C-alpha atoms as a PDB file:
ATOM      1  CA  MET A   1      15.759   1.037  48.535  1.00  0.00           C
ATOM      2  CA  GLU A   2      16.225   4.854  49.577  1.00  0.00           C
ATOM      3  CA  LEU A   3      13.248   6.940  48.410  1.00  0.00           C
ATOM      4  CA  LEU A   4      14.155  10.120  46.840  1.00  0.00           C
ATOM      5  CA  ALA A   5      11.517  11.577  44.859  1.00  0.00           C
ATOM      6  CA  ARG A   6       7.490  10.962  44.462  1.00  0.00           C
ATOM      7  CA  GLY A   7       6.264  12.595  41.217  1.00  0.00           C
ATOM      8  CA  ARG A   8       2.829  12.163  40.191  1.00  0.00           C
ATOM      9  CA  ASP A   9       3.260   9.487  38.083  1.00  0.00           C
ATOM     10  CA  ALA A  10       6.477   8.084  39.085  1.00  0.00           C
ATOM     11  CA  GLU A  11       8.914   7.173  42.223  1.00  0.00           C
ATOM     12  CA  VAL A  12      12.362   7.738  42.362  1.00  0.00           C
ATOM     13  CA  PHE A  13      14.311   5.533  44.624  1.00  0.00           C
ATOM     14  CA  GLY A  14      18.014   5.327  45.017  1.00  0.00           C
ATOM     15  CA  LEU A  15      19.994   1.622  44.786  1.00  0.00           C
ATOM     16  CA  ASP A  16      23.411   3.085  45.532  1.00  0.00           C
ATOM     17  CA  GLU A  17      25.850   6.440  44.850  1.00  0.00           C
ATOM     18  CA  HIS A  18      25.449   5.823  41.509  1.00  0.00           C
ATOM     19  CA  THR A  19      22.197   4.812  40.416  1.00  0.00           C
ATOM     20  CA  VAL A  20      18.049   5.486  40.666  1.00  0.00           C
ATOM     21  CA  LEU A  21      15.502   3.166  40.019  1.00  0.00           C
ATOM     22  CA  ARG A  22      12.417   5.600  38.783  1.00  0.00           C
ATOM     23  CA  ARG A  23       9.596   3.548  38.818  1.00  0.00           C
ATOM     24  CA  PHE A  24       6.177   3.960  36.921  1.00  0.00           C
ATOM     25  CA  ARG A  25       2.959   3.513  38.281  1.00  0.00           C
ATOM     26  CA  GLY A  26       2.612   0.678  35.874  1.00  0.00           C
ATOM     27  CA  PRO A  27       3.855  -0.870  32.855  1.00  0.00           C
ATOM     28  CA  ARG A  28       4.795   1.340  29.931  1.00  0.00           C
ATOM     29  CA  ASP A  29       6.615   1.275  26.546  1.00  0.00           C
ATOM     30  CA  LEU A  30       9.655   3.526  27.209  1.00  0.00           C
ATOM     31  CA  ARG A  31      11.751   3.004  23.842  1.00  0.00           C
ATOM     32  CA  TRP A  32      11.104   6.726  22.559  1.00  0.00           C
ATOM     33  CA  GLU A  33      11.649   8.050  25.875  1.00  0.00           C
ATOM     34  CA  VAL A  34      15.263   6.044  25.789  1.00  0.00           C
ATOM     35  CA  ALA A  35      16.032   7.174  22.176  1.00  0.00           C
ATOM     36  CA  ALA A  36      14.744  10.550  23.283  1.00  0.00           C
ATOM     37  CA  MET A  37      17.777  10.607  26.073  1.00  0.00           C
ATOM     38  CA  GLU A  38      20.414   8.972  24.118  1.00  0.00           C
ATOM     39  CA  ALA A  39      19.954  11.531  21.331  1.00  0.00           C
ATOM     40  CA  ALA A  40      20.495  14.042  23.353  1.00  0.00           C
ATOM     41  CA  ARG A  41      23.714  12.604  25.111  1.00  0.00           C
ATOM     42  CA  ASP A  42      24.847  11.978  21.696  1.00  0.00           C
ATOM     43  CA  ALA A  43      24.491  15.628  21.023  1.00  0.00           C
ATOM     44  CA  GLY A  44      26.572  16.370  24.385  1.00  0.00           C
ATOM     45  CA  LEU A  45      23.199  17.414  26.526  1.00  0.00           C
ATOM     46  CA  PRO A  46      23.601  16.318  30.137  1.00  0.00           C
ATOM     47  CA  VAL A  47      21.389  13.674  30.307  1.00  0.00           C
ATOM     48  CA  PRO A  48      21.490  10.789  33.116  1.00  0.00           C
ATOM     49  CA  ALA A  49      22.554   7.825  31.480  1.00  0.00           C
ATOM     50  CA  VAL A  50      20.523   4.689  30.959  1.00  0.00           C
ATOM     51  CA  HIS A  51      21.694   2.048  32.399  1.00  0.00           C
ATOM     52  CA  GLU A  52      18.941  -0.463  32.158  1.00  0.00           C
ATOM     53  CA  ILE A  53      15.123  -0.851  30.645  1.00  0.00           C
ATOM     54  CA  ARG A  54      12.308  -2.550  32.709  1.00  0.00           C
ATOM     55  CA  PRO A  55       8.751  -3.595  32.011  1.00  0.00           C
ATOM     56  CA  ASP A  56       7.657   0.032  34.509  1.00  0.00           C
ATOM     57  CA  ALA A  57      10.832   1.541  35.349  1.00  0.00           C
ATOM     58  CA  MET A  58      14.096   2.610  34.332  1.00  0.00           C
ATOM     59  CA  VAL A  59      17.307   2.205  36.395  1.00  0.00           C
ATOM     60  CA  LEU A  60      19.641   5.892  35.455  1.00  0.00           C
ATOM     61  CA  GLU A  61      23.116   7.573  36.415  1.00  0.00           C
ATOM     62  CA  ARG A  62      22.379   9.236  39.844  1.00  0.00           C
ATOM     63  CA  ILE A  63      22.872  12.725  39.506  1.00  0.00           C
ATOM     64  CA  HIS A  64      23.268  14.883  42.923  1.00  0.00           C
ATOM     65  CA  GLY A  65      22.307  18.040  43.855  1.00  0.00           C
ATOM     66  CA  PRO A  66      18.835  19.509  44.198  1.00  0.00           C
ATOM     67  CA  THR A  67      16.896  20.564  41.273  1.00  0.00           C
ATOM     68  CA  MET A  68      16.557  24.215  40.125  1.00  0.00           C
ATOM     69  CA  LEU A  69      13.188  24.392  41.577  1.00  0.00           C
ATOM     70  CA  GLU A  70      14.752  23.756  45.283  1.00  0.00           C
ATOM     71  CA  ALA A  71      16.953  25.736  44.374  1.00  0.00           C
ATOM     72  CA  LEU A  72      14.801  28.452  43.675  1.00  0.00           C
ATOM     73  CA  LEU A  73      13.170  28.069  46.850  1.00  0.00           C
ATOM     74  CA  ALA A  74      15.672  28.012  48.539  1.00  0.00           C
ATOM     75  CA  ASP A  75      17.150  30.866  47.530  1.00  0.00           C
ATOM     76  CA  PRO A  76      14.703  33.205  45.473  1.00  0.00           C
ATOM     77  CA  GLY A  77      17.556  35.708  44.669  1.00  0.00           C
ATOM     78  CA  SER A  78      18.669  33.384  42.313  1.00  0.00           C
ATOM     79  CA  ALA A  79      16.156  33.166  39.842  1.00  0.00           C
ATOM     80  CA  GLN A  80      17.973  35.500  37.043  1.00  0.00           C
ATOM     81  CA  ALA A  81      20.857  33.273  37.016  1.00  0.00           C
ATOM     82  CA  HIS A  82      18.877  30.335  36.876  1.00  0.00           C
ATOM     83  CA  ALA A  83      16.519  31.543  34.276  1.00  0.00           C
ATOM     84  CA  VAL A  84      19.969  31.934  32.188  1.00  0.00           C
ATOM     85  CA  THR A  85      20.549  28.795  33.063  1.00  0.00           C
ATOM     86  CA  LEU A  86      17.440  27.400  31.649  1.00  0.00           C
ATOM     87  CA  ALA A  87      17.225  28.976  28.586  1.00  0.00           C
ATOM     88  CA  GLU A  88      20.542  27.687  27.862  1.00  0.00           C
ATOM     89  CA  LEU A  89      19.875  24.375  27.647  1.00  0.00           C
ATOM     90  CA  HIS A  90      17.002  24.897  25.522  1.00  0.00           C
ATOM     91  CA  LEU A  91      18.382  26.650  23.211  1.00  0.00           C
ATOM     92  CA  ARG A  92      20.664  23.520  23.086  1.00  0.00           C
ATOM     93  CA  LEU A  93      17.984  21.424  23.062  1.00  0.00           C
ATOM     94  CA  GLY A  94      16.922  23.031  20.115  1.00  0.00           C
ATOM     95  CA  GLN A  95      19.874  22.599  17.889  1.00  0.00           C
ATOM     96  CA  ILE A  96      18.856  18.308  18.566  1.00  0.00           C
ATOM     97  CA  THR A  97      17.260  16.962  15.785  1.00  0.00           C
ATOM     98  CA  ALA A  98      14.691  13.974  16.957  1.00  0.00           C
ATOM     99  CA  PRO A  99      15.140  10.246  16.169  1.00  0.00           C
ATOM    100  CA  ASP A 100      13.155   9.152  12.789  1.00  0.00           C
ATOM    101  CA  GLY A 101       9.760   8.078  14.087  1.00  0.00           C
ATOM    102  CA  MET A 102       8.857  10.061  17.524  1.00  0.00           C
ATOM    103  CA  SER A 103       5.462  11.395  18.183  1.00  0.00           C
ATOM    104  CA  THR A 104       4.960  15.164  17.008  1.00  0.00           C
ATOM    105  CA  PRO A 105       2.646  16.009  20.033  1.00  0.00           C
ATOM    106  CA  VAL A 106       3.040  19.703  19.645  1.00  0.00           C
ATOM    107  CA  GLY A 107       2.775  20.058  15.968  1.00  0.00           C
ATOM    108  CA  ALA A 108       5.515  18.869  13.204  1.00  0.00           C
ATOM    109  CA  GLY A 109       9.075  19.853  13.417  1.00  0.00           C
ATOM    110  CA  GLU A 110      12.423  18.250  12.870  1.00  0.00           C
ATOM    111  CA  SER A 111      13.976  18.800  16.789  1.00  0.00           C
ATOM    112  CA  LEU A 112      13.552  16.725  19.673  1.00  0.00           C
ATOM    113  CA  VAL A 113      11.464  18.393  22.181  1.00  0.00           C
ATOM    114  CA  HIS A 114      11.115  16.983  25.650  1.00  0.00           C
ATOM    115  CA  LEU A 115       7.590  19.578  26.969  1.00  0.00           C
ATOM    116  CA  ASP A 116       8.471  19.313  30.406  1.00  0.00           C
ATOM    117  CA  LEU A 117      11.640  20.788  30.549  1.00  0.00           C
ATOM    118  CA  HIS A 118      11.473  23.553  33.461  1.00  0.00           C
ATOM    119  CA  PRO A 119      13.040  24.389  36.826  1.00  0.00           C
ATOM    120  CA  GLY A 120      11.757  20.686  38.704  1.00  0.00           C
ATOM    121  CA  ASN A 121      13.280  19.063  35.743  1.00  0.00           C
ATOM    122  CA  VAL A 122      16.604  20.232  35.754  1.00  0.00           C
ATOM    123  CA  ILE A 123      19.527  18.651  39.080  1.00  0.00           C
ATOM    124  CA  LEU A 124      22.124  21.441  39.414  1.00  0.00           C
ATOM    125  CA  GLY A 125      24.515  18.279  39.667  1.00  0.00           C
ATOM    126  CA  SER A 126      28.271  19.129  38.081  1.00  0.00           C
ATOM    127  CA  ALA A 127      26.494  20.195  35.215  1.00  0.00           C
ATOM    128  CA  PRO A 128      22.792  21.336  35.236  1.00  0.00           C
ATOM    129  CA  THR A 129      21.129  18.064  33.832  1.00  0.00           C
ATOM    130  CA  ILE A 130      17.803  17.376  32.432  1.00  0.00           C
ATOM    131  CA  ILE A 131      15.595  14.645  33.752  1.00  0.00           C
ATOM    132  CA  ASP A 132      12.098  12.824  32.907  1.00  0.00           C
ATOM    133  CA  TRP A 133      11.450  12.706  29.248  1.00  0.00           C
ATOM    134  CA  THR A 134       8.301  11.199  29.242  1.00  0.00           C
ATOM    135  CA  ASN A 135       6.834  13.488  27.307  1.00  0.00           C
ATOM    136  CA  ALA A 136       9.765  13.806  25.020  1.00  0.00           C
ATOM    137  CA  GLY A 137       8.840  13.823  20.984  1.00  0.00           C
ATOM    138  CA  ARG A 138       9.611  15.959  17.622  1.00  0.00           C
ATOM    139  CA  GLY A 139       8.034  19.386  16.744  1.00  0.00           C
ATOM    140  CA  PRO A 140       8.553  22.756  16.492  1.00  0.00           C
ATOM    141  CA  VAL A 141      11.940  24.567  18.204  1.00  0.00           C
ATOM    142  CA  SER A 142       9.916  26.864  19.903  1.00  0.00           C
ATOM    143  CA  ALA A 143       7.608  24.234  21.687  1.00  0.00           C
ATOM    144  CA  ASP A 144      10.051  23.773  24.809  1.00  0.00           C
ATOM    145  CA  PRO A 145      10.486  27.100  25.909  1.00  0.00           C
ATOM    146  CA  ALA A 146       6.646  28.102  25.236  1.00  0.00           C
ATOM    147  CA  THR A 147       5.823  25.024  27.350  1.00  0.00           C
ATOM    148  CA  CYS A 148       7.994  26.153  29.912  1.00  0.00           C
ATOM    149  CA  TRP A 149       6.652  29.692  29.996  1.00  0.00           C
ATOM    150  CA  LEU A 150       3.262  27.600  30.481  1.00  0.00           C
ATOM    151  CA  LEU A 151       4.120  25.767  32.970  1.00  0.00           C
ATOM    152  CA  THR A 152       6.042  28.395  35.191  1.00  0.00           C
ATOM    153  CA  ARG A 153       2.891  30.372  35.308  1.00  0.00           C
ATOM    154  CA  VAL A 154       0.023  27.808  35.890  1.00  0.00           C
ATOM    155  CA  VAL A 155       1.461  24.475  37.076  1.00  0.00           C
ATOM    156  CA  GLN A 156       0.852  24.366  41.265  1.00  0.00           C
ATOM    157  CA  VAL A 157       4.426  24.197  43.013  1.00  0.00           C
ATOM    158  CA  GLU A 158       4.993  21.227  45.412  1.00  0.00           C
ATOM    159  CA  ALA A 159       6.783  22.150  48.195  1.00  0.00           C
ATOM    160  CA  PRO A 160       7.531  21.233  51.763  1.00  0.00           C
ATOM    161  CA  ALA A 161       6.306  24.129  52.650  1.00  0.00           C
ATOM    162  CA  ALA A 162       3.945  27.023  50.861  1.00  0.00           C
ATOM    163  CA  PRO A 163       5.956  29.137  48.958  1.00  0.00           C
ATOM    164  CA  THR A 164       6.355  32.466  50.066  1.00  0.00           C
ATOM    165  CA  ALA A 165       5.873  36.202  48.731  1.00  0.00           C
ATOM    166  CA  GLU A 166       9.336  36.234  47.912  1.00  0.00           C
ATOM    167  CA  PHE A 167       9.120  33.175  45.809  1.00  0.00           C
ATOM    168  CA  THR A 168       6.164  34.435  44.118  1.00  0.00           C
ATOM    169  CA  VAL A 169       7.988  37.476  43.070  1.00  0.00           C
ATOM    170  CA  ALA A 170      11.061  35.275  42.067  1.00  0.00           C
ATOM    171  CA  VAL A 171       8.844  33.495  39.152  1.00  0.00           C
ATOM    172  CA  GLY A 172       8.126  36.569  38.073  1.00  0.00           C
ATOM    173  CA  THR A 173      11.852  37.235  37.783  1.00  0.00           C
ATOM    174  CA  PHE A 174      12.398  34.175  36.030  1.00  0.00           C
ATOM    175  CA  VAL A 175       9.716  33.934  33.703  1.00  0.00           C
ATOM    176  CA  GLU A 176      10.957  37.527  32.420  1.00  0.00           C
ATOM    177  CA  THR A 177      14.498  36.328  32.186  1.00  0.00           C
ATOM    178  CA  PHE A 178      13.878  33.209  30.174  1.00  0.00           C
ATOM    179  CA  LEU A 179      11.713  35.136  28.059  1.00  0.00           C
ATOM    180  CA  ASP A 180      14.119  37.555  26.956  1.00  0.00           C
ATOM    181  CA  CYS A 181      16.763  34.927  25.670  1.00  0.00           C
ATOM    182  CA  PHE A 182      13.688  33.890  22.852  1.00  0.00           C
ATOM    183  CA  ASP A 183      11.632  35.297  20.290  1.00  0.00           C
ATOM    184  CA  LEU A 184       8.322  36.561  21.830  1.00  0.00           C
ATOM    185  CA  PRO A 185       6.291  35.877  18.768  1.00  0.00           C
ATOM    186  CA  ASP A 186       7.397  32.565  17.989  1.00  0.00           C
ATOM    187  CA  LEU A 187       6.544  31.300  21.584  1.00  0.00           C
ATOM    188  CA  LEU A 188       2.960  33.241  21.612  1.00  0.00           C
ATOM    189  CA  GLU A 189       2.587  31.411  18.206  1.00  0.00           C
ATOM    190  CA  GLN A 190       3.314  27.896  19.810  1.00  0.00           C
ATOM    191  CA  LEU A 191       1.355  28.429  23.226  1.00  0.00           C
ATOM    192  CA  PRO A 192      -2.335  27.392  21.565  1.00  0.00           C
ATOM    193  CA  ALA A 193      -0.381  23.452  20.589  1.00  0.00           C
ATOM    194  CA  VAL A 194       1.454  23.099  23.865  1.00  0.00           C
ATOM    195  CA  GLY A 195      -1.805  23.837  26.162  1.00  0.00           C
ATOM    196  CA  ARG A 196      -4.101  21.651  24.280  1.00  0.00           C
ATOM    197  CA  ALA A 197      -0.888  19.082  24.728  1.00  0.00           C
ATOM    198  CA  ARG A 198      -1.158  19.793  28.363  1.00  0.00           C
ATOM    199  CA  LEU A 199      -4.754  19.672  29.082  1.00  0.00           C
ATOM    200  CA  HIS A 200      -4.406  16.168  27.828  1.00  0.00           C
ATOM    201  CA  ASP A 201      -2.410  15.328  30.707  1.00  0.00           C
ATOM    202  CA  VAL A 202      -4.414  13.208  33.457  1.00  0.00           C
ATOM    203  CA  ASN A 203      -2.096  14.133  36.372  1.00  0.00           C
ATOM    204  CA  LEU A 204      -3.265  18.021  36.135  1.00  0.00           C
ATOM    205  CA  THR A 205      -5.844  19.147  38.690  1.00  0.00           C
ATOM    206  CA  PRO A 206      -8.839  20.740  37.720  1.00  0.00           C
ATOM    207  CA  GLU A 207      -7.700  23.992  38.745  1.00  0.00           C
ATOM    208  CA  GLU A 208      -4.530  23.509  37.044  1.00  0.00           C
ATOM    209  CA  GLN A 209      -6.779  23.101  34.058  1.00  0.00           C
ATOM    210  CA  GLU A 210      -8.616  25.422  34.139  1.00  0.00           C
ATOM    211  CA  ARG A 211      -5.304  28.083  35.141  1.00  0.00           C
ATOM    212  CA  ILE A 212      -3.973  26.663  31.687  1.00  0.00           C
ATOM    213  CA  ARG A 213      -7.498  27.816  29.731  1.00  0.00           C
ATOM    214  CA  ALA A 214      -7.134  31.091  31.307  1.00  0.00           C
ATOM    215  CA  PHE A 215      -3.450  31.660  30.573  1.00  0.00           C
ATOM    216  CA  LEU A 216      -4.205  30.732  26.958  1.00  0.00           C
ATOM    217  CA  ASP A 217      -6.848  33.593  26.693  1.00  0.00           C
ATOM    218  CA  ASP A 218      -4.376  35.678  28.334  1.00  0.00           C
ATOM    219  CA  PRO A 219      -0.676  34.903  28.974  1.00  0.00           C
ATOM    220  CA  TRP A 220      -0.362  38.555  30.570  1.00  0.00           C
END
């Protein structure tokens, strides 16, 4: 197997040209993650097909291309275009009703929420494709863009080389363009709930936790 990516709670291996194995650190219940992916695919959202479920892994359709984050690192001047693309994915996702029985980690609502939909979880294949549905649930439509706003401001970027000053400026442009696509008061109202949810993420570093608390106190 070819190691394609190593995340904080999973590794992704290429099995062949058409499939990948996403293997977690240990067994987990994948029913709701798969249900979220299937609901999104049924609604026409670009999401990898699930071919097989194992106790600690999933065999998925392989999507060829860089992540949006990798594309931003390679070309910071593309920030505005990618921000609009990501906003469009959020808006489409917000129109999908979550399957019955899904958890509500950020409050009541009917929408399918990904809760980790940031540039690192979009692969720019033949169509921009949303990956990593581990945190998916049911909630208010503004939860996803609010989460993306928080994450792009506070989570450390894991890259082969330290982000350049140009990339740091591009992140500011990206966030500003992204926020222009939404009703800002709705996102501000949702920030406390999504912030509390993120603080329960065991994969966050202490620095990231402090940055989240500081952001919630003053998002500007």
